PDB file of N, CA and C in Angstrom:
ATOM      1  N   ASN A   1       0.635  -1.425   0.096  1.00  0.00           N
ATOM      2  CA  ASN A   1       0.035   0.096   0.278  1.00  0.00           C
ATOM      3  C   ASN A   1       0.588   1.316  -0.200  1.00  0.00           C
ATOM      4  N   GLN A   2       2.061   1.134   0.756  1.00  0.00           N
ATOM      5  CA  GLN A   2       3.003   2.533   0.812  1.00  0.00           C
ATOM      6  C   GLN A   2       3.704   2.850  -0.615  1.00  0.00           C
ATOM      7  N   ASN A   3       4.105   1.621  -1.289  1.00  0.00           N
ATOM      8  CA  ASN A   3       5.019   1.594  -2.369  1.00  0.00           C
ATOM      9  C   ASN A   3       3.820   1.352  -3.788  1.00  0.00           C
ATOM     10  N   PHE A   4       3.125   0.754  -3.881  1.00  0.00           N
ATOM     11  CA  PHE A   4       2.620   0.764  -5.190  1.00  0.00           C
ATOM     12  C   PHE A   4       0.887   0.320  -4.984  1.00  0.00           C
ATOM     13  N   ARG A   5       0.334   0.197  -6.365  1.00  0.00           N
ATOM     14  CA  ARG A   5      -1.161   0.420  -6.561  1.00  0.00           C
ATOM     15  C   ARG A   5      -0.934  -1.217  -6.979  1.00  0.00           C
ATOM     16  N   ILE A   6      -1.727  -1.936  -6.494  1.00  0.00           N
ATOM     17  CA  ILE A   6      -2.161  -3.356  -6.899  1.00  0.00           C
ATOM     18  C   ILE A   6      -3.465  -3.562  -7.564  1.00  0.00           C
ATOM     19  N   GLY A   7      -3.670  -3.762  -8.919  1.00  0.00           N
ATOM     20  CA  GLY A   7      -4.959  -4.183  -9.528  1.00  0.00           C
ATOM     21  C   GLY A   7      -4.998  -5.822  -9.934  1.00  0.00           C
ATOM     22  N   THR A   8      -5.682  -6.606 -10.216  1.00  0.00           N
ATOM     23  CA  THR A   8      -5.734  -7.706  -9.818  1.00  0.00           C
ATOM     24  C   THR A   8      -6.990  -8.259 -11.592  1.00  0.00           C
ATOM     25  N   SER A   9      -6.457  -9.785 -12.352  1.00  0.00           N
ATOM     26  CA  SER A   9      -7.647  -9.859 -12.808  1.00  0.00           C
ATOM     27  C   SER A   9      -7.615 -11.259 -12.648  1.00  0.00           C
ATOM     28  N   MET A  10      -8.304 -12.001 -13.483  1.00  0.00           N
ATOM     29  CA  MET A  10      -8.262 -14.097 -12.785  1.00  0.00           C
ATOM     30  C   MET A  10      -7.171 -14.307 -12.915  1.00  0.00           C
ATOM     31  N   TYR A  11      -6.458 -13.915 -13.945  1.00  0.00           N
ATOM     32  CA  TYR A  11      -4.794 -14.817 -14.131  1.00  0.00           C
ATOM     33  C   TYR A  11      -3.596 -13.779 -14.050  1.00  0.00           C
ATOM     34  N   ARG A  12      -3.904 -12.471 -13.732  1.00  0.00           N
ATOM     35  CA  ARG A  12      -2.778 -11.218 -13.693  1.00  0.00           C
ATOM     36  C   ARG A  12      -2.995 -10.813 -12.468  1.00  0.00           C
ATOM     37  N   LEU A  13      -1.627 -10.003 -11.989  1.00  0.00           N
ATOM     38  CA  LEU A  13      -1.203  -9.359 -10.925  1.00  0.00           C
ATOM     39  C   LEU A  13      -0.898  -8.343 -11.763  1.00  0.00           C
ATOM     40  N   ILE A  14      -1.211  -6.935 -11.502  1.00  0.00           N
ATOM     41  CA  ILE A  14      -0.473  -5.858 -11.896  1.00  0.00           C
ATOM     42  C   ILE A  14       0.130  -4.657 -10.992  1.00  0.00           C
ATOM     43  N   PHE A  15       1.406  -4.434 -10.781  1.00  0.00           N
ATOM     44  CA  PHE A  15       2.022  -3.426  -9.983  1.00  0.00           C
ATOM     45  C   PHE A  15       1.906  -2.462 -10.493  1.00  0.00           C
ATOM     46  N   SER A  16       1.634  -0.849  -9.779  1.00  0.00           N
ATOM     47  CA  SER A  16       2.105   0.394 -10.390  1.00  0.00           C
ATOM     48  C   SER A  16       2.308   1.184  -9.619  1.00  0.00           C
ATOM     49  N   ARG A  17       2.571   2.340  -9.757  1.00  0.00           N
ATOM     50  CA  ARG A  17       2.806   3.783  -9.118  1.00  0.00           C
ATOM     51  C   ARG A  17       1.653   4.485  -8.946  1.00  0.00           C
ATOM     52  N   SER A  18       0.908   4.207 -10.172  1.00  0.00           N
ATOM     53  CA  SER A  18      -0.462   4.949 -10.072  1.00  0.00           C
ATOM     54  C   SER A  18      -1.332   5.659  -8.881  1.00  0.00           C
ATOM     55  N   ILE A  19      -1.342   6.749  -8.764  1.00  0.00           N
ATOM     56  CA  ILE A  19      -2.290   7.379  -7.445  1.00  0.00           C
ATOM     57  C   ILE A  19      -3.704   6.988  -7.629  1.00  0.00           C
ATOM     58  N   GLU A  20      -4.183   7.080  -9.057  1.00  0.00           N
ATOM     59  CA  GLU A  20      -5.599   6.872  -9.320  1.00  0.00           C
ATOM     60  C   GLU A  20      -5.693   5.105  -9.557  1.00  0.00           C
ATOM     61  N   HIS A  21      -6.973   5.025  -9.371  1.00  0.00           N
ATOM     62  CA  HIS A  21      -7.586   3.661  -9.973  1.00  0.00           C
ATOM     63  C   HIS A  21      -7.536   3.612 -11.546  1.00  0.00           C
ATOM     64  N   GLY A  22      -6.729   2.750 -12.096  1.00  0.00           N
ATOM     65  CA  GLY A  22      -6.828   2.719 -13.661  1.00  0.00           C
ATOM     66  C   GLY A  22      -5.204   3.074 -13.913  1.00  0.00           C
ATOM     67  N   LEU A  23      -4.957   2.485 -15.106  1.00  0.00           N
ATOM     68  CA  LEU A  23      -3.426   2.978 -15.487  1.00  0.00           C
ATOM     69  C   LEU A  23      -3.733   3.878 -16.883  1.00  0.00           C
ATOM     70  N   ARG A  24      -3.077   4.861 -16.900  1.00  0.00           N
ATOM     71  CA  ARG A  24      -2.787   5.550 -18.271  1.00  0.00           C
ATOM     72  C   ARG A  24      -2.030   4.603 -19.243  1.00  0.00           C
ATOM     73  N   ASP A  25      -2.005   5.332 -20.571  1.00  0.00           N
ATOM     74  CA  ASP A  25      -1.050   4.231 -21.670  1.00  0.00           C
ATOM     75  C   ASP A  25       0.421   4.679 -21.378  1.00  0.00           C
ATOM     76  N   ASP A  26       0.719   5.400 -20.325  1.00  0.00           N
ATOM     77  CA  ASP A  26       1.947   6.418 -20.334  1.00  0.00           C
ATOM     78  C   ASP A  26       2.682   5.889 -18.895  1.00  0.00           C
ATOM     79  N   GLN A  27       1.661   4.952 -18.201  1.00  0.00           N
ATOM     80  CA  GLN A  27       2.334   4.697 -17.099  1.00  0.00           C
ATOM     81  C   GLN A  27       2.952   3.650 -16.731  1.00  0.00           C
ATOM     82  N   LYS A  28       4.032   3.972 -15.864  1.00  0.00           N
ATOM     83  CA  LYS A  28       4.936   2.083 -15.897  1.00  0.00           C
ATOM     84  C   LYS A  28       3.867   1.021 -15.115  1.00  0.00           C
ATOM     85  N   GLN A  29       4.435  -0.148 -15.365  1.00  0.00           N
ATOM     86  CA  GLN A  29       3.795  -1.217 -14.552  1.00  0.00           C
ATOM     87  C   GLN A  29       4.400  -2.480 -14.809  1.00  0.00           C
ATOM     88  N   LEU A  30       4.418  -3.474 -13.710  1.00  0.00           N
ATOM     89  CA  LEU A  30       4.761  -4.766 -13.285  1.00  0.00           C
ATOM     90  C   LEU A  30       3.748  -6.045 -13.786  1.00  0.00           C
ATOM     91  N   MET A  31       3.556  -6.343 -14.855  1.00  0.00           N
ATOM     92  CA  MET A  31       2.227  -7.691 -15.005  1.00  0.00           C
ATOM     93  C   MET A  31       3.011  -8.936 -14.455  1.00  0.00           C
ATOM     94  N   ILE A  32       2.423  -9.532 -13.657  1.00  0.00           N
ATOM     95  CA  ILE A  32       2.387 -11.042 -13.360  1.00  0.00           C
ATOM     96  C   ILE A  32       1.695 -11.925 -13.865  1.00  0.00           C
ATOM     97  N   ASP A  33       1.737 -12.968 -15.034  1.00  0.00           N
ATOM     98  CA  ASP A  33       0.688 -13.315 -15.800  1.00  0.00           C
ATOM     99  C   ASP A  33       1.180 -15.174 -15.124  1.00  0.00           C
ATOM    100  N   THR A  34      -0.116 -15.662 -14.970  1.00  0.00           N
ATOM    101  CA  THR A  34      -0.190 -17.152 -14.684  1.00  0.00           C
ATOM    102  C   THR A  34      -0.252 -17.667 -15.763  1.00  0.00           C
ATOM    103  N   LEU A  35       0.958 -18.922 -16.187  1.00  0.00           N
ATOM    104  CA  LEU A  35       0.661 -19.474 -17.583  1.00  0.00           C
ATOM    105  C   LEU A  35       0.274 -20.634 -16.917  1.00  0.00           C
ATOM    106  N   ASP A  36       0.671 -21.300 -16.084  1.00  0.00           N
ATOM    107  CA  ASP A  36       0.506 -22.672 -15.137  1.00  0.00           C
ATOM    108  C   ASP A  36       0.842 -22.788 -14.280  1.00  0.00           C
ATOM    109  N   LYS A  37       0.784 -23.821 -13.508  1.00  0.00           N
ATOM    110  CA  LYS A  37       1.057 -23.884 -11.868  1.00  0.00           C
ATOM    111  C   LYS A  37       2.486 -23.649 -11.655  1.00  0.00           C
ATOM    112  N   ASN A  38       3.205 -23.031 -11.034  1.00  0.00           N
ATOM    113  CA  ASN A  38       4.371 -22.739 -11.247  1.00  0.00           C
ATOM    114  C   ASN A  38       5.214 -22.363 -12.436  1.00  0.00           C
ATOM    115  N   ASP A  39       4.212 -21.479 -12.929  1.00  0.00           N
ATOM    116  CA  ASP A  39       4.617 -21.118 -14.301  1.00  0.00           C
ATOM    117  C   ASP A  39       4.427 -19.596 -14.779  1.00  0.00           C
ATOM    118  N   TYR A  40       5.342 -18.569 -14.354  1.00  0.00           N
ATOM    119  CA  TYR A  40       4.699 -16.991 -14.837  1.00  0.00           C
ATOM    120  C   TYR A  40       5.636 -16.523 -15.930  1.00  0.00           C
ATOM    121  N   GLN A  41       4.954 -15.226 -15.977  1.00  0.00           N
ATOM    122  CA  GLN A  41       5.644 -14.362 -16.999  1.00  0.00           C
ATOM    123  C   GLN A  41       5.549 -13.180 -16.447  1.00  0.00           C
ATOM    124  N   ILE A  42       6.874 -12.269 -15.999  1.00  0.00           N
ATOM    125  CA  ILE A  42       6.611 -11.288 -15.531  1.00  0.00           C
ATOM    126  C   ILE A  42       7.310 -10.133 -16.375  1.00  0.00           C
ATOM    127  N   VAL A  43       6.283  -8.959 -16.503  1.00  0.00           N
ATOM    128  CA  VAL A  43       7.018  -7.927 -17.592  1.00  0.00           C
ATOM    129  C   VAL A  43       6.936  -6.515 -17.133  1.00  0.00           C
ATOM    130  N   LEU A  44       8.052  -5.681 -17.528  1.00  0.00           N
ATOM    131  CA  LEU A  44       7.814  -4.332 -16.885  1.00  0.00           C
ATOM    132  C   LEU A  44       7.734  -3.749 -18.108  1.00  0.00           C
ATOM    133  N   ARG A  45       6.421  -2.498 -18.132  1.00  0.00           N
ATOM    134  CA  ARG A  45       6.637  -1.672 -19.179  1.00  0.00           C
ATOM    135  C   ARG A  45       6.208  -0.513 -18.806  1.00  0.00           C
ATOM    136  N   ASP A  46       6.145   0.254 -20.175  1.00  0.00           N
ATOM    137  CA  ASP A  46       5.533   1.653 -19.788  1.00  0.00           C
ATOM    138  C   ASP A  46       4.904   1.779 -21.285  1.00  0.00           C
ATOM    139  N   GLY A  47       3.715   1.879 -20.458  1.00  0.00           N
ATOM    140  CA  GLY A  47       2.973   1.918 -21.756  1.00  0.00           C
ATOM    141  C   GLY A  47       3.063   0.920 -22.859  1.00  0.00           C
ATOM    142  N   PHE A  48       2.935   0.736 -24.081  1.00  0.00           N
ATOM    143  CA  PHE A  48       3.256  -0.490 -24.441  1.00  0.00           C
ATOM    144  C   PHE A  48       4.867  -0.793 -25.368  1.00  0.00           C
ATOM    145  N   LYS A  49       5.796  -0.174 -24.521  1.00  0.00           N
ATOM    146  CA  LYS A  49       7.112  -0.606 -24.805  1.00  0.00           C
ATOM    147  C   LYS A  49       7.446  -1.123 -23.341  1.00  0.00           C
ATOM    148  N   LYS A  50       7.947  -2.537 -23.890  1.00  0.00           N
ATOM    149  CA  LYS A  50       8.479  -3.693 -22.880  1.00  0.00           C
ATOM    150  C   LYS A  50      10.039  -3.144 -22.316  1.00  0.00           C
ATOM    151  N   TYR A  51      10.119  -3.138 -21.161  1.00  0.00           N
ATOM    152  CA  TYR A  51      11.438  -3.060 -20.763  1.00  0.00           C
ATOM    153  C   TYR A  51      12.249  -4.145 -20.555  1.00  0.00           C
ATOM    154  N   ARG A  52      11.912  -5.208 -19.631  1.00  0.00           N
ATOM    155  CA  ARG A  52      11.797  -6.735 -19.207  1.00  0.00           C
ATOM    156  C   ARG A  52      11.168  -7.826 -19.198  1.00  0.00           C
ATOM    157  N   GLU A  53      11.128  -8.831 -19.961  1.00  0.00           N
ATOM    158  CA  GLU A  53      10.522  -9.922 -19.700  1.00  0.00           C
ATOM    159  C   GLU A  53      11.084 -10.682 -19.307  1.00  0.00           C
ATOM    160  N   TYR A  54      10.002 -11.719 -18.124  1.00  0.00           N
ATOM    161  CA  TYR A  54      10.905 -12.885 -18.246  1.00  0.00           C
ATOM    162  C   TYR A  54       9.861 -14.240 -17.660  1.00  0.00           C
ATOM    163  N   ARG A  55      10.153 -15.407 -17.579  1.00  0.00           N
ATOM    164  CA  ARG A  55       9.761 -16.242 -17.098  1.00  0.00           C
ATOM    165  C   ARG A  55      10.396 -17.050 -16.238  1.00  0.00           C
ATOM    166  N   ILE A  56       9.389 -17.364 -14.986  1.00  0.00           N
ATOM    167  CA  ILE A  56      10.189 -17.738 -13.795  1.00  0.00           C
ATOM    168  C   ILE A  56       9.037 -18.953 -13.083  1.00  0.00           C
ATOM    169  N   ILE A  57       9.475 -19.480 -12.373  1.00  0.00           N
ATOM    170  CA  ILE A  57       8.787 -20.694 -11.880  1.00  0.00           C
ATOM    171  C   ILE A  57       8.398 -20.600 -10.331  1.00  0.00           C
ATOM    172  N   ASP A  58       9.255 -19.659  -9.496  1.00  0.00           N
ATOM    173  CA  ASP A  58       8.896 -18.997  -8.521  1.00  0.00           C
ATOM    174  C   ASP A  58       8.688 -17.513  -8.060  1.00  0.00           C
ATOM    175  N   LEU A  59       7.774 -17.303  -7.151  1.00  0.00           N
ATOM    176  CA  LEU A  59       7.301 -15.812  -7.166  1.00  0.00           C
ATOM    177  C   LEU A  59       8.379 -15.379  -6.340  1.00  0.00           C
ATOM    178  N   ASN A  60       9.516 -15.968  -5.697  1.00  0.00           N
ATOM    179  CA  ASN A  60      10.623 -15.398  -4.686  1.00  0.00           C
ATOM    180  C   ASN A  60      11.948 -15.460  -5.560  1.00  0.00           C
ATOM    181  N   ASP A  61      11.562 -15.269  -6.887  1.00  0.00           N
ATOM    182  CA  ASP A  61      12.757 -14.985  -7.766  1.00  0.00           C
ATOM    183  C   ASP A  61      13.255 -13.891  -7.627  1.00  0.00           C
ATOM    184  N   ILE A  62      14.503 -13.590  -7.698  1.00  0.00           N
ATOM    185  CA  ILE A  62      15.396 -12.638  -7.510  1.00  0.00           C
ATOM    186  C   ILE A  62      15.027 -11.530  -8.988  1.00  0.00           C
ATOM    187  N   LYS A  63      14.800 -11.867 -10.106  1.00  0.00           N
ATOM    188  CA  LYS A  63      14.517 -11.151 -11.079  1.00  0.00           C
ATOM    189  C   LYS A  63      12.987 -10.152 -10.698  1.00  0.00           C
ATOM    190  N   LEU A  64      11.969 -10.598 -10.040  1.00  0.00           N
ATOM    191  CA  LEU A  64      10.945 -10.226  -9.928  1.00  0.00           C
ATOM    192  C   LEU A  64      11.330  -9.477  -8.747  1.00  0.00           C
ATOM    193  N   THR A  65      12.019  -9.790  -7.604  1.00  0.00           N
ATOM    194  CA  THR A  65      12.562  -8.753  -6.657  1.00  0.00           C
ATOM    195  C   THR A  65      12.791  -7.823  -7.459  1.00  0.00           C
ATOM    196  N   LYS A  66      13.848  -7.461  -8.367  1.00  0.00           N
ATOM    197  CA  LYS A  66      14.850  -6.714  -8.643  1.00  0.00           C
ATOM    198  C   LYS A  66      13.988  -5.529  -9.483  1.00  0.00           C
ATOM    199  N   LEU A  67      12.724  -6.207 -10.398  1.00  0.00           N
ATOM    200  CA  LEU A  67      11.837  -5.554 -10.778  1.00  0.00           C
ATOM    201  C   LEU A  67      10.914  -4.426 -10.364  1.00  0.00           C
ATOM    202  N   LEU A  68      10.564  -5.206  -9.077  1.00  0.00           N
ATOM    203  CA  LEU A  68       9.878  -4.625  -7.928  1.00  0.00           C
ATOM    204  C   LEU A  68      10.431  -3.290  -7.353  1.00  0.00           C
ATOM    205  N   GLU A  69      11.834  -3.346  -7.145  1.00  0.00           N
ATOM    206  CA  GLU A  69      12.640  -2.666  -6.787  1.00  0.00           C
ATOM    207  C   GLU A  69      12.946  -1.370  -7.671  1.00  0.00           C
ATOM    208  N   THR A  70      12.727  -1.568  -8.814  1.00  0.00           N
ATOM    209  CA  THR A  70      12.855  -0.830 -10.136  1.00  0.00           C
ATOM    210  C   THR A  70      11.433   0.054 -10.332  1.00  0.00           C
ATOM    211  N   LEU A  71      10.284  -0.393 -10.055  1.00  0.00           N
ATOM    212  CA  LEU A  71       9.328   0.279 -10.457  1.00  0.00           C
ATOM    213  C   LEU A  71       9.310   0.986  -8.983  1.00  0.00           C
ATOM    214  N   LYS A  72       9.714   0.684  -7.681  1.00  0.00           N
ATOM    215  CA  LYS A  72       9.250   1.701  -6.616  1.00  0.00           C
ATOM    216  C   LYS A  72      10.170   2.524  -6.703  1.00  0.00           C
ATOM    217  N   GLY A  73      11.175   2.488  -7.323  1.00  0.00           N
ATOM    218  CA  GLY A  73      12.327   3.919  -7.647  1.00  0.00           C
ATOM    219  C   GLY A  73      11.840   5.030  -8.530  1.00  0.00           C
ATOM    220  N   THR A  74      10.343   4.860  -9.254  1.00  0.00           N
ATOM    221  CA  THR A  74       9.969   5.619 -10.254  1.00  0.00           C
ATOM    222  C   THR A  74       9.000   6.860  -9.602  1.00  0.00           C
ATOM    223  N   LEU A  75       8.710   7.498 -10.210  1.00  0.00           N
ATOM    224  CA  LEU A  75       8.247   8.637  -9.503  1.00  0.00           C
ATOM    225  C   LEU A  75       6.767   7.892  -9.553  1.00  0.00           C
ATOM    226  N   VAL A  76       5.695   8.606  -8.619  1.00  0.00           N
ATOM    227  CA  VAL A  76       4.234   8.400  -8.304  1.00  0.00           C
ATOM    228  C   VAL A  76       3.464   9.204  -9.003  1.00  0.00           C
ATOM    229  N   ASP A  77       2.674   8.484 -10.138  1.00  0.00           N
ATOM    230  CA  ASP A  77       2.166   9.527 -10.895  1.00  0.00           C
ATOM    231  C   ASP A  77       0.708   8.571 -10.589  1.00  0.00           C
TER     232      ASP A  77
END
């Protein structure tokens, strides 16, 4: 709550630094998609531009932690 706004759908978890509900096309976000049991795709994007994209098998993966830290370091908007 102090660092991120979190949104969900059936298979997706989205972290952002948005103040308002919903995301504009130009806002940075980290999406975690569940592909299968223990199979996740994580994408850090700024609008339509992808910065990083990984497949991981554990949500305790260092790649996810680093992407969350990167997002945390961006401006709140």
